[in-house]
Protein backbone atom coordinates (compact mmCIF):
# COMPACT_ATOMS: atom_id res chain seq x y z
CA MET A 1 9.86 13.45 -17.92
CA GLY A 2 9.08 17.09 -17.11
CA GLN A 3 7.93 18.41 -13.78
CA ILE A 4 4.99 16.82 -11.99
CA ASN A 5 2.28 19.48 -11.81
CA VAL A 6 0.44 19.30 -8.49
CA LEU A 7 -2.76 20.98 -7.32
CA LEU A 8 -3.33 21.25 -3.55
CA VAL A 9 -6.91 21.36 -2.25
CA ASP A 10 -7.25 22.08 1.48
CA ASP A 11 -9.41 24.56 3.37
CA SER A 12 -6.56 25.52 5.74
CA ALA A 13 -4.33 28.31 4.43
CA VAL A 14 -1.56 27.20 6.80
CA VAL A 15 -1.70 23.60 5.56
CA ARG A 16 -1.61 24.79 1.94
CA GLN A 17 1.45 26.88 2.74
CA VAL A 18 3.25 24.03 4.50
CA LEU A 19 2.45 21.44 1.82
CA THR A 20 3.57 23.82 -0.90
CA ALA A 21 6.87 24.31 0.94
CA CYS A 22 7.26 20.54 1.38
CA LEU A 23 6.70 19.75 -2.28
CA SER A 24 8.81 22.67 -3.50
CA LYS A 25 11.85 21.02 -1.96
CA ASP A 26 11.92 18.65 -4.92
CA PRO A 27 12.82 20.19 -8.31
CA SER A 28 10.79 17.57 -10.19
CA ILE A 29 7.54 18.78 -8.57
CA LYS A 30 5.76 22.04 -9.34
CA VAL A 31 2.77 23.23 -7.32
CA ILE A 32 0.56 24.90 -9.93
CA GLY A 33 -2.14 25.88 -7.48
CA ALA A 34 -3.24 25.72 -3.85
CA VAL A 35 -6.97 26.29 -3.33
CA ALA A 36 -9.42 26.17 -0.43
CA ASP A 37 -12.06 23.78 -1.76
CA PRO A 38 -13.15 21.65 -4.75
CA ILE A 39 -15.21 24.48 -6.29
CA PHE A 40 -12.09 26.61 -6.57
CA ALA A 41 -10.19 23.52 -7.75
CA MET A 42 -12.53 22.94 -10.68
CA THR A 43 -12.10 26.56 -11.77
CA ARG A 44 -8.32 26.28 -11.49
CA MET A 45 -8.25 23.02 -13.47
CA GLN A 46 -9.93 24.71 -16.41
CA ILE A 47 -6.74 26.73 -16.80
CA GLN A 48 -4.28 23.83 -16.37
CA TRP A 49 -4.98 20.21 -15.55
CA PRO A 50 -2.69 18.80 -12.83
CA ASP A 51 -0.79 15.53 -13.00
CA VAL A 52 -1.56 14.84 -9.33
CA ILE A 53 -4.07 16.31 -6.86
CA VAL A 54 -3.35 16.38 -3.12
CA LEU A 55 -6.81 16.50 -1.54
CA ASP A 56 -8.22 17.07 1.92
CA VAL A 57 -11.44 15.19 2.65
CA GLU A 58 -13.31 17.53 5.02
CA MET A 59 -13.97 20.92 3.39
CA PRO A 60 -16.78 23.45 3.06
CA ARG A 61 -19.04 23.83 -0.01
CA MET A 62 -18.06 20.39 -1.40
CA ASP A 63 -16.41 17.59 0.54
CA GLY A 64 -13.41 15.72 -0.84
CA ILE A 65 -15.30 12.44 -1.38
CA THR A 66 -17.94 14.04 -3.59
CA PHE A 67 -15.26 15.85 -5.58
CA LEU A 68 -13.20 12.67 -5.94
CA LYS A 69 -16.15 10.66 -7.25
CA LYS A 70 -16.99 13.41 -9.74
CA LEU A 71 -13.35 13.58 -10.83
CA MET A 72 -12.97 9.84 -11.33
CA HIS A 73 -16.18 9.71 -13.34
CA GLU A 74 -15.41 12.65 -15.62
CA HIS A 75 -11.61 12.88 -15.84
CA PRO A 76 -9.66 10.22 -13.87
CA THR A 77 -6.63 11.85 -12.24
CA PRO A 78 -4.22 10.50 -9.60
CA VAL A 79 -5.28 11.75 -6.17
CA VAL A 80 -3.34 11.60 -2.92
CA ILE A 81 -5.54 12.04 0.15
CA CYS A 82 -4.11 14.29 2.85
CA SER A 83 -5.91 13.39 6.08
CA THR A 84 -5.57 13.87 9.81
CA LEU A 85 -4.76 11.03 12.21
CA THR A 86 -8.22 10.71 13.72
CA GLU A 87 -10.79 7.91 13.82
CA LYS A 88 -13.25 10.01 11.83
CA GLY A 89 -10.52 10.95 9.38
CA ALA A 90 -9.57 7.29 8.96
CA GLU A 91 -13.16 6.24 8.16
CA THR A 92 -13.56 9.05 5.62
CA THR A 93 -10.23 8.22 4.07
CA MET A 94 -11.34 4.62 3.51
CA GLN A 95 -14.27 6.00 1.52
CA ALA A 96 -11.82 8.06 -0.53
CA LEU A 97 -9.63 5.05 -1.27
CA ALA A 98 -12.69 3.07 -2.31
CA ALA A 99 -13.67 5.95 -4.61
CA GLY A 100 -10.35 5.80 -6.43
CA ALA A 101 -7.71 7.73 -4.47
CA VAL A 102 -4.22 6.34 -5.00
CA SER A 103 -2.74 6.69 -1.51
CA ILE A 104 -2.76 8.52 1.82
CA VAL A 105 -0.44 10.97 3.50
CA THR A 106 -1.12 12.25 6.99
CA LYS A 107 -1.10 15.80 8.23
CA PRO A 108 -0.78 16.78 11.86
CA LYS A 109 -3.26 19.00 13.67
CA VAL A 110 -0.33 20.74 15.36
CA GLY A 111 3.40 20.93 14.74
CA LEU A 112 3.24 21.87 11.08
CA LYS A 113 6.77 23.27 11.06
CA GLN A 114 8.07 19.96 12.41
CA PHE A 115 6.11 18.16 9.70
CA LEU A 116 7.86 20.33 7.11
CA GLN A 117 11.23 19.31 8.51
CA ASP A 118 10.60 15.62 9.22
CA ASP A 119 7.91 14.26 6.88
CA SER A 120 8.28 16.09 3.60
CA GLU A 121 9.96 13.06 1.98
CA SER A 122 6.88 10.90 2.57
CA LEU A 123 4.69 13.49 0.86
CA ILE A 124 7.12 13.83 -2.05
CA ALA A 125 7.31 10.05 -2.45
CA ALA A 126 3.50 9.76 -2.41
CA VAL A 127 3.14 12.39 -5.13
CA LYS A 128 5.80 10.74 -7.28
CA ALA A 129 4.16 7.34 -6.83
CA ALA A 130 0.79 8.84 -7.76
CA SER A 131 2.29 10.34 -10.89
CA HIS A 132 3.00 6.76 -12.04
CA ALA A 133 -0.56 5.64 -11.41
CA ASN A 134 -2.05 3.90 -14.41
CA LEU A 135 -5.69 4.64 -13.61
CA ARG A 136 -6.88 3.57 -17.04
CA ARG A 137 -4.39 0.70 -17.33
CA LEU A 138 -2.17 2.76 -19.63
CA SER A 139 1.64 2.59 -19.54
CA ALA A 140 3.01 4.72 -16.73
CA VAL A 141 5.87 7.09 -17.40
CA ALA A 142 8.81 6.54 -15.07
CA SER A 143 9.97 9.31 -12.78
CA ALA A 144 12.82 9.57 -10.35
CA VAL A 145 12.42 8.14 -6.87
CA PRO A 146 14.10 10.03 -4.01
CA VAL A 147 17.51 8.51 -3.27
CA GLN A 148 17.81 7.76 0.42
CA ALA A 149 19.70 5.26 2.52
CA LYS A 150 17.61 2.10 2.71
CA LEU A 151 17.75 -0.58 5.38
CA THR A 152 17.09 -4.19 4.43
CA ALA A 153 15.15 -6.80 6.37
CA ASP A 154 18.46 -7.60 8.16
CA ALA A 155 17.56 -4.68 10.45
CA ILE A 156 14.65 -6.72 11.86
CA LEU A 157 15.60 -10.41 11.51
CA PRO A 158 18.35 -12.50 9.89
CA ALA A 159 17.78 -14.47 6.70
CA SER A 160 16.88 -18.15 6.92
CA SER A 161 19.60 -20.70 6.17
CA HIS A 162 17.39 -23.77 5.77
CA ALA A 163 14.01 -24.67 4.28
CA MET A 164 11.06 -25.76 6.39
CA ALA A 165 9.70 -29.24 5.78
CA GLU A 166 6.50 -29.25 3.76
CA THR A 167 3.30 -29.82 5.77
CA THR A 168 -0.44 -29.64 5.14
CA ASP A 169 -0.65 -26.20 6.80
CA ARG A 170 -0.65 -23.46 4.18
CA ILE A 171 0.01 -19.73 4.52
CA VAL A 172 -0.54 -16.93 2.00
CA ALA A 173 1.56 -13.75 2.33
CA ILE A 174 0.62 -10.65 0.32
CA GLY A 175 2.56 -7.41 -0.08
CA THR A 176 1.31 -4.29 -1.82
CA SER A 177 1.49 -0.49 -1.82
CA THR A 178 0.19 2.20 -4.20
CA GLY A 179 -3.14 1.03 -5.60
CA GLY A 180 -3.16 -1.87 -3.19
CA THR A 181 -6.23 -0.91 -1.18
CA GLN A 182 -8.45 -1.36 -4.23
CA ALA A 183 -6.51 -4.44 -5.40
CA LEU A 184 -6.79 -6.15 -2.01
CA GLU A 185 -10.53 -5.53 -2.00
CA VAL A 186 -10.85 -7.27 -5.36
CA VAL A 187 -8.88 -10.29 -4.12
CA LEU A 188 -10.28 -10.68 -0.62
CA VAL A 189 -13.94 -10.13 -1.54
CA ALA A 190 -13.65 -12.97 -4.08
CA LEU A 191 -12.36 -15.51 -1.52
CA PRO A 192 -14.68 -18.15 -0.05
CA ARG A 193 -14.97 -18.58 3.71
CA VAL A 194 -12.71 -21.64 3.57
CA CYS A 195 -9.28 -20.58 2.34
CA PRO A 196 -5.71 -20.54 3.70
CA GLY A 197 -4.73 -18.10 6.43
CA ILE A 198 -3.44 -14.84 4.99
CA VAL A 199 -0.95 -12.25 6.25
CA ILE A 200 -0.81 -8.88 4.50
CA VAL A 201 1.38 -5.81 4.41
CA GLN A 202 -0.26 -2.82 2.77
CA HIS A 203 1.81 0.35 3.00
CA MET A 204 -0.45 2.67 4.97
CA PRO A 205 0.02 5.16 7.82
CA GLU A 206 -0.75 4.17 11.40
CA LYS A 207 -4.37 4.43 12.54
CA PHE A 208 -5.64 3.89 8.99
CA THR A 209 -5.03 0.14 8.82
CA GLY A 210 -7.67 -0.57 11.47
CA ALA A 211 -10.34 1.28 9.50
CA PHE A 212 -9.18 -0.39 6.29
CA ALA A 213 -9.38 -3.86 7.83
CA ALA A 214 -12.82 -3.12 9.34
CA ARG A 215 -14.14 -1.98 5.98
CA LEU A 216 -12.89 -5.14 4.25
CA ASN A 217 -14.28 -7.31 7.03
CA GLY A 218 -17.72 -5.91 6.28
CA LEU A 219 -17.39 -6.78 2.60
CA CYS A 220 -15.72 -10.21 2.71
CA GLN A 221 -16.84 -13.74 3.53
CA ILE A 222 -13.52 -14.27 5.32
CA GLU A 223 -12.57 -12.52 8.54
CA VAL A 224 -10.31 -9.51 7.97
CA ARG A 225 -8.72 -7.75 10.92
CA GLU A 226 -5.82 -5.51 11.84
CA ALA A 227 -3.21 -7.78 13.38
CA VAL A 228 -2.32 -7.58 17.05
CA ASN A 229 0.63 -9.29 18.65
CA GLY A 230 0.04 -13.01 19.06
CA ASP A 231 -2.90 -13.28 16.64
CA ARG A 232 -3.25 -16.80 15.20
CA VAL A 233 -3.08 -17.22 11.45
CA LEU A 234 -6.09 -19.40 10.73
CA PRO A 235 -7.96 -20.61 7.65
CA GLY A 236 -10.53 -18.05 6.60
CA ARG A 237 -8.72 -15.18 8.36
CA ALA A 238 -6.65 -12.34 6.86
CA LEU A 239 -4.40 -10.31 9.15
CA ILE A 240 -3.33 -6.85 7.98
CA ALA A 241 -0.15 -5.37 9.46
CA GLN A 242 -0.60 -2.27 11.62
CA GLY A 243 0.60 0.99 10.11
CA GLY A 244 3.83 2.06 11.77
CA LYS A 245 4.76 -1.48 12.94
CA HIS A 246 6.50 -4.44 11.35
CA MET A 247 4.67 -7.79 11.24
CA LEU A 248 6.47 -11.14 11.32
CA LEU A 249 5.13 -14.65 10.93
CA LYS A 250 6.06 -17.00 13.77
CA ARG A 251 5.46 -20.69 14.38
CA SER A 252 4.93 -22.59 17.61
CA GLY A 253 4.56 -26.29 17.01
CA ALA A 254 1.86 -26.65 14.37
CA GLN A 255 0.45 -23.18 14.95
CA TYR A 256 1.27 -20.01 13.04
CA TYR A 257 0.89 -16.61 14.68
CA VAL A 258 2.11 -13.07 14.10
CA GLU A 259 4.49 -10.91 16.06
CA ILE A 260 4.12 -7.12 15.91
CA VAL A 261 7.37 -5.27 16.50
CA ASP A 262 8.84 -1.78 16.42
CA GLY A 263 11.97 -1.13 14.43
CA PRO A 264 13.52 1.12 11.83
CA LEU A 265 12.10 1.72 8.37
CA VAL A 266 13.02 -1.15 6.05
CA THR A 267 13.20 -0.29 2.36
CA ARG A 268 11.80 3.04 3.59
CA HIS A 269 8.67 1.40 4.99
CA ARG A 270 7.17 0.28 8.29
CA PRO A 271 5.49 -2.14 7.92
CA SER A 272 7.79 -3.62 5.31
CA VAL A 273 6.85 -6.35 2.86
CA ASP A 274 10.45 -7.58 2.88
CA VAL A 275 10.28 -8.14 6.64
CA LEU A 276 7.03 -10.09 6.38
CA PHE A 277 8.19 -12.17 3.43
CA ARG A 278 11.52 -13.00 5.09
CA SER A 279 9.72 -14.18 8.22
CA VAL A 280 7.40 -16.31 6.08
CA ALA A 281 10.38 -17.81 4.25
CA LYS A 282 11.93 -18.62 7.61
CA CYS A 283 8.87 -20.01 9.41
CA ALA A 284 6.75 -21.47 6.62
CA GLY A 285 9.14 -22.23 3.75
CA LYS A 286 7.50 -24.64 1.31
CA ASN A 287 4.17 -24.20 3.08
CA ALA A 288 3.65 -20.68 1.78
CA LEU A 289 2.39 -18.78 -1.23
CA GLY A 290 3.86 -15.30 -1.66
CA ILE A 291 2.07 -12.66 -3.73
CA ILE A 292 3.45 -9.24 -4.65
CA MET A 293 1.00 -6.72 -6.02
CA THR A 294 0.73 -3.16 -7.29
CA GLY A 295 3.05 -0.61 -5.71
CA MET A 296 5.89 1.85 -6.17
CA GLY A 297 9.48 0.91 -5.36
CA ASP A 298 11.07 -2.43 -4.56
CA ASP A 299 9.84 -3.41 -1.08
CA GLY A 300 9.05 -7.12 -1.10
CA ALA A 301 11.18 -8.11 -4.09
CA ARG A 302 14.07 -9.50 -2.05
CA GLY A 303 11.76 -11.07 0.49
CA LEU A 304 9.81 -12.83 -2.25
CA LYS A 305 13.10 -14.12 -3.66
CA GLU A 306 13.95 -15.56 -0.24
CA MET A 307 10.53 -17.23 -0.10
CA SER A 308 11.12 -18.76 -3.52
CA GLU A 309 14.54 -20.01 -2.46
CA MET A 310 12.95 -21.70 0.57
CA GLY A 311 10.54 -23.55 -1.72
CA ALA A 312 7.49 -21.29 -1.56
CA ARG A 313 5.28 -20.70 -4.58
CA THR A 314 5.36 -17.06 -5.72
CA LEU A 315 3.07 -14.85 -7.79
CA GLY A 316 3.26 -11.33 -9.14
CA GLN A 317 0.41 -9.10 -10.33
CA ASP A 318 0.86 -8.44 -14.03
CA GLU A 319 1.65 -5.02 -15.47
CA GLU A 320 -1.65 -4.61 -17.26
CA SER A 321 -3.72 -4.84 -14.07
CA CYS A 322 -1.39 -2.87 -11.76
CA VAL A 323 -2.04 0.74 -10.84
CA VAL A 324 1.76 1.02 -10.47
CA TYR A 325 3.92 -1.79 -11.86
CA GLY A 326 6.86 -1.15 -9.55
CA MET A 327 7.14 -3.76 -6.79
CA PRO A 328 6.10 -6.69 -9.02
CA LYS A 329 8.50 -5.52 -11.74
CA GLU A 330 11.43 -5.47 -9.30
CA ALA A 331 10.52 -8.95 -8.06
CA VAL A 332 10.41 -10.24 -11.65
CA LYS A 333 13.85 -8.71 -12.28
CA LEU A 334 15.25 -10.68 -9.34
CA GLY A 335 13.74 -13.93 -10.61
CA ALA A 336 11.50 -14.07 -7.55
CA VAL A 337 8.18 -14.54 -9.36
CA ASN A 338 7.15 -18.02 -10.53
CA LYS A 339 4.10 -16.72 -12.38
CA GLU A 340 2.48 -13.38 -13.23
CA LEU A 341 -1.29 -13.11 -13.17
CA PRO A 342 -3.93 -10.43 -13.72
CA LEU A 343 -5.60 -9.14 -10.57
CA SER A 344 -8.83 -10.95 -11.46
CA ARG A 345 -7.08 -14.35 -11.25
CA ILE A 346 -5.27 -13.99 -7.93
CA ALA A 347 -8.16 -15.07 -5.69
CA HIS A 348 -8.67 -18.19 -7.81
CA GLU A 349 -4.97 -19.02 -7.41
CA ILE A 350 -5.20 -18.65 -3.62
CA VAL A 351 -8.18 -21.02 -3.51
CA ALA A 352 -6.40 -23.54 -5.75
CA TYR A 353 -3.31 -23.34 -3.56
CA GLY A 354 -5.42 -24.02 -0.49
CA HIS A 355 -6.76 -27.17 -2.17
CA GLY A 356 -3.25 -28.38 -2.92
CA ARG A 357 -3.33 -27.60 -6.63
């Protein structure tokens, strides 16, 4: 594959300069333009259409959401939202994800030079993941993923050495990344009020998961909330891991609850799907259903394998319905997936599982 052509759209000249420098660190990425607003972007795209757009959401003349909706209607293109870590920014970003953006990267209000030094890899990884995005369910073309040292779930908790006895309590664990915000909405909105308790890791920066959970809670029959330490896992409730924290399933007697912990990045992520799935394998065993959905990379594949080995039922989202068939593909390679399903069938499978079928 040739270079990934990227267009930056941000009203701050300093931010455009810093993001250009960040992306230029990687030889597989070429910044073909850096413009101040969507009006300039549309003019620039008439000359050369980008493979990926990195887009701010609050800009003069035309805001990012309006531009994104127009883009997805007329010429679907992978978009990475570049947003500030503010409550207002989080709410606007949720609108962008609902409108079709692939993922989020955060930009600081201050300390841009430090961002250039410390966080450029996250921006590069987001752009590369977006370049895989199969927005029209077409085959994605593989591109290189940055090679970095990766910690496994061992960094947070040891693997389980025995299987839990099967009980009537049932837990559903879901892991997803790129494209997962839209996919989770499809699944959770389709669930009835009575369904098994659900724990979810969606790769997302801190401060955005709360807004994401609140948005889903307003759309769903079930309760959806950002998890806090000690939250019970109950039927009809979905707990979404906080951005920047790992989430583990715990059990006390007959009750399941979650533990929120700090720790290093695991498979380059915090929260990590592998960490959640390992904890589910350890605490729920045969009483769990594990589901791995659209996303770049391999986070969750090993954890899903551990769940399967402990007797859990496991599902993977199929290639045709994934925005990025990365995480499910790696889980299939490991033999961790009992069955692959299209996105439209996953909610039905969760309901059936809750009824013991």
